[in-house]
PDB file of N, CA and C in Angstrom:
ATOM      1  N   MET A   1       7.092   7.996  14.309  1.00  0.00           N
ATOM      2  CA  MET A   1       6.135   7.030  13.836  1.00  0.00           C
ATOM      3  C   MET A   1       5.290   6.573  15.026  1.00  0.00           C
ATOM      4  N   THR A   2       3.987   6.440  14.806  1.00  0.00           N
ATOM      5  CA  THR A   2       3.118   5.950  15.868  1.00  0.00           C
ATOM      6  C   THR A   2       3.350   4.458  16.079  1.00  0.00           C
ATOM      7  N   ASP A   3       2.947   3.934  17.238  1.00  0.00           N
ATOM      8  CA  ASP A   3       3.089   2.503  17.502  1.00  0.00           C
ATOM      9  C   ASP A   3       2.286   1.686  16.493  1.00  0.00           C
ATOM     10  N   THR A   4       1.089   2.160  16.157  1.00  0.00           N
ATOM     11  CA  THR A   4       0.235   1.476  15.185  1.00  0.00           C
ATOM     12  C   THR A   4       0.922   1.420  13.828  1.00  0.00           C
ATOM     13  N   GLN A   5       1.486   2.535  13.423  1.00  0.00           N
ATOM     14  CA  GLN A   5       2.182   2.612  12.142  1.00  0.00           C
ATOM     15  C   GLN A   5       3.412   1.710  12.147  1.00  0.00           C
ATOM     16  N   GLN A   6       4.198   1.768  13.197  1.00  0.00           N
ATOM     17  CA  GLN A   6       5.410   0.957  13.307  1.00  0.00           C
ATOM     18  C   GLN A   6       5.075  -0.528  13.237  1.00  0.00           C
ATOM     19  N   SER A   7       4.019  -0.932  13.915  1.00  0.00           N
ATOM     20  CA  SER A   7       3.615  -2.330  13.918  1.00  0.00           C
ATOM     21  C   SER A   7       3.247  -2.811  12.510  1.00  0.00           C
ATOM     22  N   LEU A   8       2.498  -1.985  11.774  1.00  0.00           N
ATOM     23  CA  LEU A   8       2.100  -2.374  10.423  1.00  0.00           C
ATOM     24  C   LEU A   8       3.292  -2.375   9.469  1.00  0.00           C
ATOM     25  N   VAL A   9       4.192  -1.422   9.615  1.00  0.00           N
ATOM     26  CA  VAL A   9       5.408  -1.404   8.789  1.00  0.00           C
ATOM     27  C   VAL A   9       6.193  -2.696   9.002  1.00  0.00           C
ATOM     28  N   GLU A  10       6.336  -3.117  10.245  1.00  0.00           N
ATOM     29  CA  GLU A  10       7.060  -4.349  10.537  1.00  0.00           C
ATOM     30  C   GLU A  10       6.360  -5.567   9.937  1.00  0.00           C
ATOM     31  N   ARG A  11       5.034  -5.592   9.980  1.00  0.00           N
ATOM     32  CA  ARG A  11       4.295  -6.703   9.377  1.00  0.00           C
ATOM     33  C   ARG A  11       4.493  -6.734   7.869  1.00  0.00           C
ATOM     34  N   VAL A  12       4.472  -5.557   7.241  1.00  0.00           N
ATOM     35  CA  VAL A  12       4.692  -5.489   5.788  1.00  0.00           C
ATOM     36  C   VAL A  12       6.087  -6.013   5.468  1.00  0.00           C
ATOM     37  N   ARG A  13       7.090  -5.539   6.183  1.00  0.00           N
ATOM     38  CA  ARG A  13       8.466  -6.003   5.958  1.00  0.00           C
ATOM     39  C   ARG A  13       8.552  -7.524   6.013  1.00  0.00           C
ATOM     40  N   GLY A  14       7.874  -8.116   6.987  1.00  0.00           N
ATOM     41  CA  GLY A  14       7.928  -9.551   7.183  1.00  0.00           C
ATOM     42  C   GLY A  14       7.270 -10.354   6.071  1.00  0.00           C
ATOM     43  N   LEU A  15       6.398  -9.719   5.300  1.00  0.00           N
ATOM     44  CA  LEU A  15       5.692 -10.407   4.228  1.00  0.00           C
ATOM     45  C   LEU A  15       6.342 -10.231   2.854  1.00  0.00           C
ATOM     46  N   LEU A  16       7.329  -9.355   2.769  1.00  0.00           N
ATOM     47  CA  LEU A  16       7.974  -9.098   1.485  1.00  0.00           C
ATOM     48  C   LEU A  16       9.028 -10.145   1.156  1.00  0.00           C
ATOM     49  N   ASP A  17       9.173 -10.414  -0.114  1.00  0.00           N
ATOM     50  CA  ASP A  17      10.180 -11.346  -0.609  1.00  0.00           C
ATOM     51  C   ASP A  17      11.563 -10.772  -0.277  1.00  0.00           C
ATOM     52  N   PRO A  18      12.395 -11.518   0.443  1.00  0.00           N
ATOM     53  CA  PRO A  18      13.714 -10.999   0.824  1.00  0.00           C
ATOM     54  C   PRO A  18      14.653 -10.764  -0.360  1.00  0.00           C
ATOM     55  N   ASP A  19      14.326 -11.314  -1.524  1.00  0.00           N
ATOM     56  CA  ASP A  19      15.169 -11.129  -2.702  1.00  0.00           C
ATOM     57  C   ASP A  19      14.853  -9.843  -3.468  1.00  0.00           C
ATOM     58  N   VAL A  20      13.776  -9.151  -3.096  1.00  0.00           N
ATOM     59  CA  VAL A  20      13.385  -7.912  -3.769  1.00  0.00           C
ATOM     60  C   VAL A  20      14.027  -6.737  -3.038  1.00  0.00           C
ATOM     61  N   PRO A  21      14.721  -5.844  -3.769  1.00  0.00           N
ATOM     62  CA  PRO A  21      15.315  -4.670  -3.121  1.00  0.00           C
ATOM     63  C   PRO A  21      14.214  -3.729  -2.597  1.00  0.00           C
ATOM     64  N   VAL A  22      14.276  -3.447  -1.296  1.00  0.00           N
ATOM     65  CA  VAL A  22      13.252  -2.646  -0.627  1.00  0.00           C
ATOM     66  C   VAL A  22      13.919  -1.509   0.132  1.00  0.00           C
ATOM     67  N   ARG A  23      13.245  -0.367   0.139  1.00  0.00           N
ATOM     68  CA  ARG A  23      13.673   0.753   0.985  1.00  0.00           C
ATOM     69  C   ARG A  23      12.432   1.475   1.473  1.00  0.00           C
ATOM     70  N   GLU A  24      12.590   2.283   2.502  1.00  0.00           N
ATOM     71  CA  GLU A  24      11.468   3.021   3.079  1.00  0.00           C
ATOM     72  C   GLU A  24      11.749   4.508   3.048  1.00  0.00           C
ATOM     73  N   VAL A  25      10.703   5.273   2.774  1.00  0.00           N
ATOM     74  CA  VAL A  25      10.816   6.726   2.751  1.00  0.00           C
ATOM     75  C   VAL A  25       9.546   7.337   3.326  1.00  0.00           C
ATOM     76  N   SER A  26       9.666   8.540   3.857  1.00  0.00           N
ATOM     77  CA  SER A  26       8.488   9.274   4.314  1.00  0.00           C
ATOM     78  C   SER A  26       7.809   9.870   3.091  1.00  0.00           C
ATOM     79  N   MET A  27       6.514   9.562   2.939  1.00  0.00           N
ATOM     80  CA  MET A  27       5.774  10.016   1.759  1.00  0.00           C
ATOM     81  C   MET A  27       4.280   9.928   2.044  1.00  0.00           C
ATOM     82  N   PHE A  28       3.508  10.840   1.470  1.00  0.00           N
ATOM     83  CA  PHE A  28       2.052  10.825   1.607  1.00  0.00           C
ATOM     84  C   PHE A  28       1.620  10.829   3.070  1.00  0.00           C
ATOM     85  N   GLY A  29       2.378  11.475   3.934  1.00  0.00           N
ATOM     86  CA  GLY A  29       2.024  11.548   5.346  1.00  0.00           C
ATOM     87  C   GLY A  29       2.203  10.232   6.076  1.00  0.00           C
ATOM     88  N   GLY A  30       2.903   9.304   5.465  1.00  0.00           N
ATOM     89  CA  GLY A  30       3.103   7.993   6.078  1.00  0.00           C
ATOM     90  C   GLY A  30       4.499   7.477   5.811  1.00  0.00           C
ATOM     91  N   ARG A  31       4.640   6.182   5.961  1.00  0.00           N
ATOM     92  CA  ARG A  31       5.915   5.511   5.710  1.00  0.00           C
ATOM     93  C   ARG A  31       5.744   4.642   4.479  1.00  0.00           C
ATOM     94  N   ALA A  32       6.310   5.111   3.355  1.00  0.00           N
ATOM     95  CA  ALA A  32       6.171   4.396   2.086  1.00  0.00           C
ATOM     96  C   ALA A  32       7.214   3.301   2.000  1.00  0.00           C
ATOM     97  N   ILE A  33       6.787   2.182   1.469  1.00  0.00           N
ATOM     98  CA  ILE A  33       7.687   1.067   1.242  1.00  0.00           C
ATOM     99  C   ILE A  33       7.835   0.910  -0.261  1.00  0.00           C
ATOM    100  N   MET A  34       9.079   1.017  -0.692  1.00  0.00           N
ATOM    101  CA  MET A  34       9.418   0.965  -2.104  1.00  0.00           C
ATOM    102  C   MET A  34      10.062  -0.383  -2.407  1.00  0.00           C
ATOM    103  N   ALA A  35       9.625  -1.002  -3.492  1.00  0.00           N
ATOM    104  CA  ALA A  35      10.252  -2.226  -3.982  1.00  0.00           C
ATOM    105  C   ALA A  35      10.699  -1.950  -5.405  1.00  0.00           C
ATOM    106  N   ASN A  36      11.930  -2.297  -5.720  1.00  0.00           N
ATOM    107  CA  ASN A  36      12.477  -2.020  -7.057  1.00  0.00           C
ATOM    108  C   ASN A  36      12.380  -0.531  -7.391  1.00  0.00           C
ATOM    109  N   ASP A  37      12.582   0.326  -6.385  1.00  0.00           N
ATOM    110  CA  ASP A  37      12.527   1.788  -6.523  1.00  0.00           C
ATOM    111  C   ASP A  37      11.154   2.323  -6.912  1.00  0.00           C
ATOM    112  N   LYS A  38      10.083   1.555  -6.637  1.00  0.00           N
ATOM    113  CA  LYS A  38       8.712   2.009  -6.909  1.00  0.00           C
ATOM    114  C   LYS A  38       7.867   1.735  -5.680  1.00  0.00           C
ATOM    115  N   MET A  39       7.019   2.695  -5.316  1.00  0.00           N
ATOM    116  CA  MET A  39       6.186   2.526  -4.135  1.00  0.00           C
ATOM    117  C   MET A  39       5.188   1.392  -4.320  1.00  0.00           C
ATOM    118  N   ILE A  40       5.103   0.544  -3.302  1.00  0.00           N
ATOM    119  CA  ILE A  40       4.054  -0.483  -3.317  1.00  0.00           C
ATOM    120  C   ILE A  40       2.954  -0.123  -2.331  1.00  0.00           C
ATOM    121  N   VAL A  41       3.331   0.315  -1.132  1.00  0.00           N
ATOM    122  CA  VAL A  41       2.349   0.718  -0.126  1.00  0.00           C
ATOM    123  C   VAL A  41       2.911   1.858   0.702  1.00  0.00           C
ATOM    124  N   SER A  42       2.018   2.570   1.366  1.00  0.00           N
ATOM    125  CA  SER A  42       2.409   3.561   2.348  1.00  0.00           C
ATOM    126  C   SER A  42       1.537   3.350   3.581  1.00  0.00           C
ATOM    127  N   VAL A  43       2.180   3.212   4.724  1.00  0.00           N
ATOM    128  CA  VAL A  43       1.481   2.954   5.972  1.00  0.00           C
ATOM    129  C   VAL A  43       1.161   4.293   6.644  1.00  0.00           C
ATOM    130  N   GLY A  44      -0.126   4.527   6.874  1.00  0.00           N
ATOM    131  CA  GLY A  44      -0.563   5.766   7.507  1.00  0.00           C
ATOM    132  C   GLY A  44      -0.377   5.732   9.011  1.00  0.00           C
ATOM    133  N   LYS A  45      -0.335   6.895   9.627  1.00  0.00           N
ATOM    134  CA  LYS A  45      -0.177   6.998  11.078  1.00  0.00           C
ATOM    135  C   LYS A  45      -1.304   6.302  11.822  1.00  0.00           C
ATOM    136  N   ASP A  46      -2.470   6.220  11.187  1.00  0.00           N
ATOM    137  CA  ASP A  46      -3.637   5.576  11.810  1.00  0.00           C
ATOM    138  C   ASP A  46      -3.686   4.070  11.559  1.00  0.00           C
ATOM    139  N   GLY A  47      -2.694   3.536  10.849  1.00  0.00           N
ATOM    140  CA  GLY A  47      -2.664   2.105  10.551  1.00  0.00           C
ATOM    141  C   GLY A  47      -3.367   1.734   9.265  1.00  0.00           C
ATOM    142  N   SER A  48      -3.777   2.739   8.496  1.00  0.00           N
ATOM    143  CA  SER A  48      -4.361   2.455   7.177  1.00  0.00           C
ATOM    144  C   SER A  48      -3.230   2.176   6.197  1.00  0.00           C
ATOM    145  N   LEU A  49      -3.603   1.646   5.046  1.00  0.00           N
ATOM    146  CA  LEU A  49      -2.605   1.294   4.043  1.00  0.00           C
ATOM    147  C   LEU A  49      -2.999   1.898   2.704  1.00  0.00           C
ATOM    148  N   LEU A  50      -2.125   2.705   2.141  1.00  0.00           N
ATOM    149  CA  LEU A  50      -2.296   3.226   0.797  1.00  0.00           C
ATOM    150  C   LEU A  50      -1.591   2.246  -0.129  1.00  0.00           C
ATOM    151  N   VAL A  51      -2.336   1.709  -1.095  1.00  0.00           N
ATOM    152  CA  VAL A  51      -1.803   0.661  -1.964  1.00  0.00           C
ATOM    153  C   VAL A  51      -1.805   1.139  -3.403  1.00  0.00           C
ATOM    154  N   ARG A  52      -0.682   0.909  -4.093  1.00  0.00           N
ATOM    155  CA  ARG A  52      -0.558   1.245  -5.515  1.00  0.00           C
ATOM    156  C   ARG A  52      -0.871  -0.010  -6.312  1.00  0.00           C
ATOM    157  N   VAL A  53      -1.930   0.053  -7.140  1.00  0.00           N
ATOM    158  CA  VAL A  53      -2.373  -1.114  -7.903  1.00  0.00           C
ATOM    159  C   VAL A  53      -2.529  -0.753  -9.374  1.00  0.00           C
ATOM    160  N   ASP A  54      -2.664  -1.769 -10.181  1.00  0.00           N
ATOM    161  CA  ASP A  54      -2.895  -1.587 -11.611  1.00  0.00           C
ATOM    162  C   ASP A  54      -4.251  -0.899 -11.815  1.00  0.00           C
ATOM    163  N   THR A  55      -4.278   0.132 -12.649  1.00  0.00           N
ATOM    164  CA  THR A  55      -5.539   0.852 -12.898  1.00  0.00           C
ATOM    165  C   THR A  55      -6.593  -0.059 -13.511  1.00  0.00           C
ATOM    166  N   ASN A  56      -6.178  -1.095 -14.227  1.00  0.00           N
ATOM    167  CA  ASN A  56      -7.141  -2.031 -14.811  1.00  0.00           C
ATOM    168  C   ASN A  56      -7.855  -2.858 -13.750  1.00  0.00           C
ATOM    169  N   ASP A  57      -7.264  -2.983 -12.575  1.00  0.00           N
ATOM    170  CA  ASP A  57      -7.851  -3.754 -11.477  1.00  0.00           C
ATOM    171  C   ASP A  57      -8.526  -2.872 -10.434  1.00  0.00           C
ATOM    172  N   HIS A  58      -8.435  -1.576 -10.607  1.00  0.00           N
ATOM    173  CA  HIS A  58      -8.890  -0.616  -9.605  1.00  0.00           C
ATOM    174  C   HIS A  58     -10.340  -0.835  -9.184  1.00  0.00           C
ATOM    175  N   ASP A  59     -11.264  -0.851 -10.120  1.00  0.00           N
ATOM    176  CA  ASP A  59     -12.685  -0.970  -9.771  1.00  0.00           C
ATOM    177  C   ASP A  59     -12.986  -2.280  -9.054  1.00  0.00           C
ATOM    178  N   ARG A  60     -12.385  -3.368  -9.507  1.00  0.00           N
ATOM    179  CA  ARG A  60     -12.580  -4.669  -8.855  1.00  0.00           C
ATOM    180  C   ARG A  60     -12.065  -4.629  -7.415  1.00  0.00           C
ATOM    181  N   LEU A  61     -10.897  -4.042  -7.216  1.00  0.00           N
ATOM    182  CA  LEU A  61     -10.301  -4.005  -5.891  1.00  0.00           C
ATOM    183  C   LEU A  61     -11.046  -3.082  -4.940  1.00  0.00           C
ATOM    184  N   LEU A  62     -11.673  -2.044  -5.473  1.00  0.00           N
ATOM    185  CA  LEU A  62     -12.470  -1.154  -4.622  1.00  0.00           C
ATOM    186  C   LEU A  62     -13.660  -1.869  -4.000  1.00  0.00           C
ATOM    187  N   GLN A  63     -14.044  -2.998  -4.554  1.00  0.00           N
ATOM    188  CA  GLN A  63     -15.172  -3.770  -4.030  1.00  0.00           C
ATOM    189  C   GLN A  63     -14.770  -4.629  -2.822  1.00  0.00           C
ATOM    190  N   GLN A  64     -13.482  -4.709  -2.530  1.00  0.00           N
ATOM    191  CA  GLN A  64     -13.010  -5.514  -1.407  1.00  0.00           C
ATOM    192  C   GLN A  64     -13.353  -4.833  -0.083  1.00  0.00           C
ATOM    193  N   PRO A  65     -13.622  -5.613   0.954  1.00  0.00           N
ATOM    194  CA  PRO A  65     -13.934  -5.036   2.271  1.00  0.00           C
ATOM    195  C   PRO A  65     -12.834  -4.102   2.763  1.00  0.00           C
ATOM    196  N   GLY A  66     -13.228  -2.938   3.224  1.00  0.00           N
ATOM    197  CA  GLY A  66     -12.291  -1.967   3.781  1.00  0.00           C
ATOM    198  C   GLY A  66     -11.585  -1.092   2.772  1.00  0.00           C
ATOM    199  N   ALA A  67     -11.815  -1.339   1.484  1.00  0.00           N
ATOM    200  CA  ALA A  67     -11.143  -0.563   0.435  1.00  0.00           C
ATOM    201  C   ALA A  67     -11.939   0.688   0.088  1.00  0.00           C
ATOM    202  N   SER A  68     -11.229   1.768  -0.155  1.00  0.00           N
ATOM    203  CA  SER A  68     -11.872   3.005  -0.612  1.00  0.00           C
ATOM    204  C   SER A  68     -10.909   3.748  -1.537  1.00  0.00           C
ATOM    205  N   GLN A  69     -11.481   4.626  -2.335  1.00  0.00           N
ATOM    206  CA  GLN A  69     -10.681   5.450  -3.225  1.00  0.00           C
ATOM    207  C   GLN A  69      -9.745   6.315  -2.382  1.00  0.00           C
ATOM    208  N   ALA A  70      -8.461   6.285  -2.685  1.00  0.00           N
ATOM    209  CA  ALA A  70      -7.497   7.088  -1.940  1.00  0.00           C
ATOM    210  C   ALA A  70      -7.690   8.564  -2.257  1.00  0.00           C
ATOM    211  N   GLU A  71      -7.527   9.365  -1.218  1.00  0.00           N
ATOM    212  CA  GLU A  71      -7.630  10.821  -1.353  1.00  0.00           C
ATOM    213  C   GLU A  71      -6.370  11.468  -0.807  1.00  0.00           C
ATOM    214  N   MET A  72      -5.990  12.566  -1.451  1.00  0.00           N
ATOM    215  CA  MET A  72      -4.879  13.379  -0.976  1.00  0.00           C
ATOM    216  C   MET A  72      -5.509  14.630  -0.376  1.00  0.00           C
ATOM    217  N   GLY A  73      -6.006  14.477   0.835  1.00  0.00           N
ATOM    218  CA  GLY A  73      -6.784  15.543   1.449  1.00  0.00           C
ATOM    219  C   GLY A  73      -8.261  15.292   1.174  1.00  0.00           C
ATOM    220  N   THR A  74      -9.099  15.855   1.974  1.00  0.00           N
ATOM    221  CA  THR A  74     -10.532  15.618   1.870  1.00  0.00           C
ATOM    222  C   THR A  74     -11.075  16.030   0.510  1.00  0.00           C
ATOM    223  N   GLY A  75     -11.701  15.044  -0.163  1.00  0.00           N
ATOM    224  CA  GLY A  75     -12.349  15.318  -1.437  1.00  0.00           C
ATOM    225  C   GLY A  75     -11.435  15.434  -2.638  1.00  0.00           C
ATOM    226  N   ARG A  76     -10.157  15.150  -2.466  1.00  0.00           N
ATOM    227  CA  ARG A  76      -9.202  15.241  -3.576  1.00  0.00           C
ATOM    228  C   ARG A  76      -8.711  13.841  -3.937  1.00  0.00           C
ATOM    229  N   SER A  77      -9.414  13.185  -4.857  1.00  0.00           N
ATOM    230  CA  SER A  77      -9.092  11.826  -5.257  1.00  0.00           C
ATOM    231  C   SER A  77      -7.689  11.727  -5.851  1.00  0.00           C
ATOM    232  N   MET A  78      -7.002  10.656  -5.509  1.00  0.00           N
ATOM    233  CA  MET A  78      -5.694  10.394  -6.099  1.00  0.00           C
ATOM    234  C   MET A  78      -5.831   9.703  -7.450  1.00  0.00           C
ATOM    235  N   GLY A  79      -7.045   9.331  -7.819  1.00  0.00           N
ATOM    236  CA  GLY A  79      -7.284   8.738  -9.121  1.00  0.00           C
ATOM    237  C   GLY A  79      -7.134   7.230  -9.116  1.00  0.00           C
ATOM    238  N   PRO A  80      -7.407   6.618 -10.264  1.00  0.00           N
ATOM    239  CA  PRO A  80      -7.317   5.164 -10.384  1.00  0.00           C
ATOM    240  C   PRO A  80      -5.898   4.661 -10.096  1.00  0.00           C
ATOM    241  N   GLY A  81      -5.841   3.515  -9.450  1.00  0.00           N
ATOM    242  CA  GLY A  81      -4.553   2.924  -9.125  1.00  0.00           C
ATOM    243  C   GLY A  81      -4.098   3.198  -7.706  1.00  0.00           C
ATOM    244  N   TRP A  82      -4.866   4.003  -6.974  1.00  0.00           N
ATOM    245  CA  TRP A  82      -4.532   4.335  -5.586  1.00  0.00           C
ATOM    246  C   TRP A  82      -5.726   3.977  -4.710  1.00  0.00           C
ATOM    247  N   ILE A  83      -5.528   3.050  -3.786  1.00  0.00           N
ATOM    248  CA  ILE A  83      -6.603   2.568  -2.921  1.00  0.00           C
ATOM    249  C   ILE A  83      -6.133   2.620  -1.466  1.00  0.00           C
ATOM    250  N   THR A  84      -7.029   3.044  -0.582  1.00  0.00           N
ATOM    251  CA  THR A  84      -6.751   3.045   0.855  1.00  0.00           C
ATOM    252  C   THR A  84      -7.506   1.896   1.498  1.00  0.00           C
ATOM    253  N   ILE A  85      -6.827   1.178   2.380  1.00  0.00           N
ATOM    254  CA  ILE A  85      -7.432   0.073   3.106  1.00  0.00           C
ATOM    255  C   ILE A  85      -7.538   0.482   4.579  1.00  0.00           C
ATOM    256  N   ALA A  86      -8.740   0.371   5.127  1.00  0.00           N
ATOM    257  CA  ALA A  86      -8.987   0.724   6.523  1.00  0.00           C
ATOM    258  C   ALA A  86      -8.238  -0.223   7.460  1.00  0.00           C
ATOM    259  N   PRO A  87      -7.739   0.300   8.576  1.00  0.00           N
ATOM    260  CA  PRO A  87      -6.953  -0.511   9.510  1.00  0.00           C
ATOM    261  C   PRO A  87      -7.661  -1.777   9.990  1.00  0.00           C
ATOM    262  N   ASP A  88      -8.963  -1.706  10.208  1.00  0.00           N
ATOM    263  CA  ASP A  88      -9.668  -2.875  10.735  1.00  0.00           C
ATOM    264  C   ASP A  88      -9.821  -3.996   9.715  1.00  0.00           C
ATOM    265  N   HIS A  89      -9.378  -3.777   8.490  1.00  0.00           N
ATOM    266  CA  HIS A  89      -9.388  -4.814   7.462  1.00  0.00           C
ATOM    267  C   HIS A  89      -7.981  -5.326   7.162  1.00  0.00           C
ATOM    268  N   LEU A  90      -7.053  -5.015   8.069  1.00  0.00           N
ATOM    269  CA  LEU A  90      -5.661  -5.453   7.916  1.00  0.00           C
ATOM    270  C   LEU A  90      -5.189  -6.227   9.146  1.00  0.00           C
ATOM    271  N   THR A  91      -6.130  -6.774   9.891  1.00  0.00           N
ATOM    272  CA  THR A  91      -5.785  -7.397  11.171  1.00  0.00           C
ATOM    273  C   THR A  91      -5.083  -8.743  11.023  1.00  0.00           C
ATOM    274  N   THR A  92      -5.270  -9.418   9.891  1.00  0.00           N
ATOM    275  CA  THR A  92      -4.595 -10.709   9.701  1.00  0.00           C
ATOM    276  C   THR A  92      -3.497 -10.566   8.655  1.00  0.00           C
ATOM    277  N   ASP A  93      -2.481 -11.403   8.776  1.00  0.00           N
ATOM    278  CA  ASP A  93      -1.410 -11.383   7.775  1.00  0.00           C
ATOM    279  C   ASP A  93      -1.942 -11.816   6.415  1.00  0.00           C
ATOM    280  N   GLN A  94      -2.947 -12.673   6.391  1.00  0.00           N
ATOM    281  CA  GLN A  94      -3.548 -13.108   5.129  1.00  0.00           C
ATOM    282  C   GLN A  94      -4.162 -11.919   4.391  1.00  0.00           C
ATOM    283  N   ALA A  95      -4.900 -11.081   5.108  1.00  0.00           N
ATOM    284  CA  ALA A  95      -5.516  -9.904   4.486  1.00  0.00           C
ATOM    285  C   ALA A  95      -4.448  -8.921   4.013  1.00  0.00           C
ATOM    286  N   LEU A  96      -3.459  -8.666   4.850  1.00  0.00           N
ATOM    287  CA  LEU A  96      -2.372  -7.750   4.491  1.00  0.00           C
ATOM    288  C   LEU A  96      -1.593  -8.287   3.297  1.00  0.00           C
ATOM    289  N   ASP A  97      -1.287  -9.573   3.308  1.00  0.00           N
ATOM    290  CA  ASP A  97      -0.519 -10.182   2.225  1.00  0.00           C
ATOM    291  C   ASP A  97      -1.257 -10.078   0.890  1.00  0.00           C
ATOM    292  N   ALA A  98      -2.579 -10.194   0.910  1.00  0.00           N
ATOM    293  CA  ALA A  98      -3.355 -10.088  -0.337  1.00  0.00           C
ATOM    294  C   ALA A  98      -3.158  -8.706  -0.960  1.00  0.00           C
ATOM    295  N   TRP A  99      -3.134  -7.651  -0.146  1.00  0.00           N
ATOM    296  CA  TRP A  99      -2.931  -6.299  -0.670  1.00  0.00           C
ATOM    297  C   TRP A  99      -1.491  -6.080  -1.128  1.00  0.00           C
ATOM    298  N   ILE A 100      -0.547  -6.638  -0.397  1.00  0.00           N
ATOM    299  CA  ILE A 100       0.850  -6.528  -0.824  1.00  0.00           C
ATOM    300  C   ILE A 100       1.033  -7.226  -2.165  1.00  0.00           C
ATOM    301  N   GLU A 101       0.419  -8.379  -2.328  1.00  0.00           N
ATOM    302  CA  GLU A 101       0.536  -9.108  -3.592  1.00  0.00           C
ATOM    303  C   GLU A 101      -0.058  -8.299  -4.740  1.00  0.00           C
ATOM    304  N   GLU A 102      -1.211  -7.652  -4.529  1.00  0.00           N
ATOM    305  CA  GLU A 102      -1.791  -6.791  -5.578  1.00  0.00           C
ATOM    306  C   GLU A 102      -0.821  -5.677  -5.952  1.00  0.00           C
ATOM    307  N   ALA A 103      -0.190  -5.076  -4.950  1.00  0.00           N
ATOM    308  CA  ALA A 103       0.782  -4.005  -5.207  1.00  0.00           C
ATOM    309  C   ALA A 103       1.995  -4.537  -5.953  1.00  0.00           C
ATOM    310  N   MET A 104       2.447  -5.728  -5.598  1.00  0.00           N
ATOM    311  CA  MET A 104       3.619  -6.305  -6.253  1.00  0.00           C
ATOM    312  C   MET A 104       3.316  -6.720  -7.689  1.00  0.00           C
ATOM    313  N   ILE A 105       2.096  -7.138  -7.971  1.00  0.00           N
ATOM    314  CA  ILE A 105       1.717  -7.441  -9.354  1.00  0.00           C
ATOM    315  C   ILE A 105       1.925  -6.202 -10.215  1.00  0.00           C
ATOM    316  N   TYR A 106       1.431  -5.060  -9.741  1.00  0.00           N
ATOM    317  CA  TYR A 106       1.609  -3.811 -10.471  1.00  0.00           C
ATOM    318  C   TYR A 106       3.090  -3.433 -10.524  1.00  0.00           C
ATOM    319  N   ASN A 107       3.780  -3.581  -9.401  1.00  0.00           N
ATOM    320  CA  ASN A 107       5.192  -3.220  -9.311  1.00  0.00           C
ATOM    321  C   ASN A 107       6.031  -3.952 -10.345  1.00  0.00           C
ATOM    322  N   ARG A 108       5.724  -5.221 -10.569  1.00  0.00           N
ATOM    323  CA  ARG A 108       6.500  -6.008 -11.531  1.00  0.00           C
ATOM    324  C   ARG A 108       6.204  -5.639 -12.988  1.00  0.00           C
ATOM    325  N   THR A 109       5.094  -4.948 -13.233  1.00  0.00           N
ATOM    326  CA  THR A 109       4.711  -4.645 -14.623  1.00  0.00           C
ATOM    327  C   THR A 109       4.981  -3.196 -15.019  1.00  0.00           C
ATOM    328  N   THR A 110       5.459  -2.396 -14.110  1.00  0.00           N
ATOM    329  CA  THR A 110       5.685  -0.988 -14.419  1.00  0.00           C
ATOM    330  C   THR A 110       7.155  -0.642 -14.234  1.00  0.00           C
ATOM    331  N   THR A 111       7.588   0.426 -14.881  1.00  0.00           N
ATOM    332  CA  THR A 111       8.965   0.855 -14.747  1.00  0.00           C
ATOM    333  C   THR A 111       9.041   2.054 -13.819  1.00  0.00           C
ATOM    334  N   ALA A 112      10.184   2.209 -13.172  1.00  0.00           N
ATOM    335  CA  ALA A 112      10.405   3.345 -12.283  1.00  0.00           C
ATOM    336  C   ALA A 112      10.538   4.616 -13.100  1.00  0.00           C
ATOM    337  N   ARG A 113      10.133   5.705 -12.495  1.00  0.00           N
ATOM    338  CA  ARG A 113      10.338   7.002 -13.140  1.00  0.00           C
ATOM    339  C   ARG A 113      11.817   7.348 -13.117  1.00  0.00           C
ATOM    340  N   PRO A 114      12.309   8.012 -14.183  1.00  0.00           N
ATOM    341  CA  PRO A 114      13.741   8.401 -14.191  1.00  0.00           C
ATOM    342  C   PRO A 114      14.039   9.453 -13.150  1.00  0.00           C
TER     343      PRO A 114
END
């Protein structure tokens, strides 16, 4: 893990509710953080954040500073519900926490895959 990635993973851990079961796995070329056995975010090696959000909120959230449609390789959209946040828009815990909260809203409303 890069120092940038490790630092952001630690910040994410510090913002999560300690009562929610969390685990980490390597996924999407980054370090995915799972809550309730469902991915909420994945921290990229460059310090970007892949966020899993409700598809109904996708277009609204794409309008936020630093947000872009997530891609799995150049030009291959991951589709609605997947947003990437640029590292320079995650410099404060307030900004990071807002994205974690969006991911947790979706996490609480969806079920894990069997």
